[in-house]
Amino acid sequence: MIEVGLTHFLIVSSALFSFGIYGIITRKNAVMVLMGIELILNAANINFVAFSRYLNLGLSGQVAALFVIILAAAEAAIALAIVLNIYKTFDHVNVDEIEKLKE
């Protein structure tokens, strides 16, 4: 039976981080860019919890992950409001074609 160690969590976290960076760089849709940012934040959460567990740091990793989850929820709410405002103004959410929001 395979024992799951710190290396396994780091591999999963690096894969999520890589997918998030790929999503941010290659996508033009603002919603897809926000999903890439969420993947990066989830990769950070996995690292916080894994290092806390395997380095016997107590609950500090879980507390840091909780703060990241709160930050992600606030970021999603504000970003959704911005994306809706962009859609209302420009009738699309293509990040490359948006030059100015204030008119």
C-alpha atoms as a PDB file:
ATOM      1  CA  MET A   1       0.000   0.000   0.000  1.00  0.00           C
ATOM      2  CA  ILE A   2       1.303   3.429  -0.942  1.00  0.00           C
ATOM      3  CA  GLU A   3       1.621   5.980   1.820  1.00  0.00           C
ATOM      4  CA  VAL A   4       0.719   9.509   0.783  1.00  0.00           C
ATOM      5  CA  GLY A   5       3.544  11.845   1.695  1.00  0.00           C
ATOM      6  CA  LEU A   6       4.453  15.491   1.359  1.00  0.00           C
ATOM      7  CA  THR A   7       5.841  14.930  -2.136  1.00  0.00           C
ATOM      8  CA  HIS A   8       2.462  13.774  -3.428  1.00  0.00           C
ATOM      9  CA  PHE A   9       0.774  16.924  -2.147  1.00  0.00           C
ATOM     10  CA  LEU A  10       3.487  19.096  -3.665  1.00  0.00           C
ATOM     11  CA  ILE A  11       3.068  17.400  -7.051  1.00  0.00           C
ATOM     12  CA  VAL A  12      -0.697  17.980  -7.002  1.00  0.00           C
ATOM     13  CA  SER A  13      -0.172  21.555  -5.885  1.00  0.00           C
ATOM     14  CA  SER A  14       2.387  22.273  -8.599  1.00  0.00           C
ATOM     15  CA  ALA A  15       0.059  20.788 -11.222  1.00  0.00           C
ATOM     16  CA  LEU A  16      -2.810  23.030 -10.043  1.00  0.00           C
ATOM     17  CA  PHE A  17      -0.491  26.036 -10.011  1.00  0.00           C
ATOM     18  CA  SER A  18       0.703  25.259 -13.539  1.00  0.00           C
ATOM     19  CA  PHE A  19      -2.866  24.887 -14.819  1.00  0.00           C
ATOM     20  CA  GLY A  20      -3.753  28.186 -13.174  1.00  0.00           C
ATOM     21  CA  ILE A  21      -0.832  30.026 -14.785  1.00  0.00           C
ATOM     22  CA  TYR A  22      -1.701  28.440 -18.135  1.00  0.00           C
ATOM     23  CA  GLY A  23      -5.309  29.573 -17.730  1.00  0.00           C
ATOM     24  CA  ILE A  24      -4.278  33.133 -16.942  1.00  0.00           C
ATOM     25  CA  ILE A  25      -1.784  33.455 -19.776  1.00  0.00           C
ATOM     26  CA  THR A  26      -3.705  31.795 -22.594  1.00  0.00           C
ATOM     27  CA  ARG A  27      -7.315  32.793 -21.978  1.00  0.00           C
ATOM     28  CA  LYS A  28      -8.905  35.995 -23.198  1.00  0.00           C
ATOM     29  CA  ASN A  29     -12.191  35.567 -21.361  1.00  0.00           C
ATOM     30  CA  ALA A  30     -12.202  37.347 -17.989  1.00  0.00           C
ATOM     31  CA  VAL A  31     -14.120  34.533 -16.295  1.00  0.00           C
ATOM     32  CA  MET A  32     -11.513  31.983 -17.374  1.00  0.00           C
ATOM     33  CA  VAL A  33      -8.733  34.237 -16.046  1.00  0.00           C
ATOM     34  CA  LEU A  34     -10.540  34.379 -12.694  1.00  0.00           C
ATOM     35  CA  MET A  35     -10.797  30.584 -12.682  1.00  0.00           C
ATOM     36  CA  GLY A  36      -7.027  30.429 -13.217  1.00  0.00           C
ATOM     37  CA  ILE A  37      -6.510  32.690 -10.210  1.00  0.00           C
ATOM     38  CA  GLU A  38      -8.736  30.414  -8.132  1.00  0.00           C
ATOM     39  CA  LEU A  39      -6.627  27.402  -9.146  1.00  0.00           C
ATOM     40  CA  ILE A  40      -3.489  29.209  -8.002  1.00  0.00           C
ATOM     41  CA  LEU A  41      -5.081  30.051  -4.651  1.00  0.00           C
ATOM     42  CA  ASN A  42      -6.163  26.409  -4.208  1.00  0.00           C
ATOM     43  CA  ALA A  43      -2.602  25.282  -4.920  1.00  0.00           C
ATOM     44  CA  ALA A  44      -1.406  27.609  -2.160  1.00  0.00           C
ATOM     45  CA  ASN A  45      -4.011  26.139   0.214  1.00  0.00           C
ATOM     46  CA  ILE A  46      -2.792  22.621  -0.479  1.00  0.00           C
ATOM     47  CA  ASN A  47       0.771  23.727   0.295  1.00  0.00           C
ATOM     48  CA  PHE A  48      -0.255  25.434   3.547  1.00  0.00           C
ATOM     49  CA  VAL A  49      -2.134  22.404   4.834  1.00  0.00           C
ATOM     50  CA  ALA A  50       0.450  19.856   3.644  1.00  0.00           C
ATOM     51  CA  PHE A  51       3.404  21.665   5.202  1.00  0.00           C
ATOM     52  CA  SER A  52       1.450  22.204   8.399  1.00  0.00           C
ATOM     53  CA  ARG A  53       0.647  18.495   8.564  1.00  0.00           C
ATOM     54  CA  TYR A  54       4.046  17.067   7.712  1.00  0.00           C
ATOM     55  CA  LEU A  55       6.198  19.597   9.587  1.00  0.00           C
ATOM     56  CA  ASN A  56       4.030  19.412  12.740  1.00  0.00           C
ATOM     57  CA  LEU A  57       3.228  23.136  12.783  1.00  0.00           C
ATOM     58  CA  GLY A  58      -0.100  22.692  14.523  1.00  0.00           C
ATOM     59  CA  LEU A  59      -3.067  24.507  13.062  1.00  0.00           C
ATOM     60  CA  SER A  60      -1.109  27.381  11.490  1.00  0.00           C
ATOM     61  CA  GLY A  61      -1.432  25.948   7.970  1.00  0.00           C
ATOM     62  CA  GLN A  62      -5.160  25.454   8.331  1.00  0.00           C
ATOM     63  CA  VAL A  63      -5.575  29.008   9.632  1.00  0.00           C
ATOM     64  CA  ALA A  64      -3.581  30.390   6.693  1.00  0.00           C
ATOM     65  CA  ALA A  65      -5.689  28.311   4.288  1.00  0.00           C
ATOM     66  CA  LEU A  66      -8.860  29.672   5.907  1.00  0.00           C
ATOM     67  CA  PHE A  67      -7.631  33.236   5.312  1.00  0.00           C
ATOM     68  CA  VAL A  68      -6.892  32.377   1.677  1.00  0.00           C
ATOM     69  CA  ILE A  69     -10.408  30.961   1.278  1.00  0.00           C
ATOM     70  CA  ILE A  70     -11.861  34.185   2.723  1.00  0.00           C
ATOM     71  CA  LEU A  71      -9.656  36.225   0.391  1.00  0.00           C
ATOM     72  CA  ALA A  72     -10.760  34.104  -2.590  1.00  0.00           C
ATOM     73  CA  ALA A  73     -14.427  34.619  -1.748  1.00  0.00           C
ATOM     74  CA  ALA A  74     -13.970  38.383  -1.526  1.00  0.00           C
ATOM     75  CA  GLU A  75     -11.945  38.394  -4.745  1.00  0.00           C
ATOM     76  CA  ALA A  76     -14.624  36.397  -6.550  1.00  0.00           C
ATOM     77  CA  ALA A  77     -17.391  38.776  -5.443  1.00  0.00           C
ATOM     78  CA  ILE A  78     -15.504  41.909  -6.484  1.00  0.00           C
ATOM     79  CA  ALA A  79     -14.264  40.366  -9.715  1.00  0.00           C
ATOM     80  CA  LEU A  80     -17.767  39.235 -10.645  1.00  0.00           C
ATOM     81  CA  ALA A  81     -19.035  42.792 -10.160  1.00  0.00           C
ATOM     82  CA  ILE A  82     -16.229  44.101 -12.389  1.00  0.00           C
ATOM     83  CA  VAL A  83     -16.907  41.468 -15.064  1.00  0.00           C
ATOM     84  CA  LEU A  84     -20.623  42.292 -15.058  1.00  0.00           C
ATOM     85  CA  ASN A  85     -19.802  45.999 -15.422  1.00  0.00           C
ATOM     86  CA  ILE A  86     -17.448  45.220 -18.324  1.00  0.00           C
ATOM     87  CA  TYR A  87     -20.116  43.110 -20.014  1.00  0.00           C
ATOM     88  CA  LYS A  88     -22.729  45.812 -19.561  1.00  0.00           C
ATOM     89  CA  THR A  89     -20.391  48.431 -21.056  1.00  0.00           C
ATOM     90  CA  PHE A  90     -18.730  46.487 -23.892  1.00  0.00           C
ATOM     91  CA  ASP A  91     -21.129  43.553 -24.525  1.00  0.00           C
ATOM     92  CA  HIS A  92     -18.255  41.056 -24.140  1.00  0.00           C
ATOM     93  CA  VAL A  93     -15.723  40.005 -21.511  1.00  0.00           C
ATOM     94  CA  ASN A  94     -12.677  39.633 -23.767  1.00  0.00           C
ATOM     95  CA  VAL A  95      -9.779  40.955 -21.690  1.00  0.00           C
ATOM     96  CA  ASP A  96      -7.612  41.861 -24.702  1.00  0.00           C
ATOM     97  CA  GLU A  97     -10.198  44.171 -26.248  1.00  0.00           C
ATOM     98  CA  ILE A  98     -10.926  46.228 -23.143  1.00  0.00           C
ATOM     99  CA  GLU A  99      -8.870  49.407 -23.185  1.00  0.00           C
ATOM    100  CA  LYS A 100     -10.749  51.663 -20.829  1.00  0.00           C
ATOM    101  CA  LEU A 101     -13.671  51.098 -18.519  1.00  0.00           C
ATOM    102  CA  LYS A 102     -14.382  54.695 -17.647  1.00  0.00           C
ATOM    103  CA  GLU A 103     -16.194  56.609 -20.358  1.00  0.00           C
END
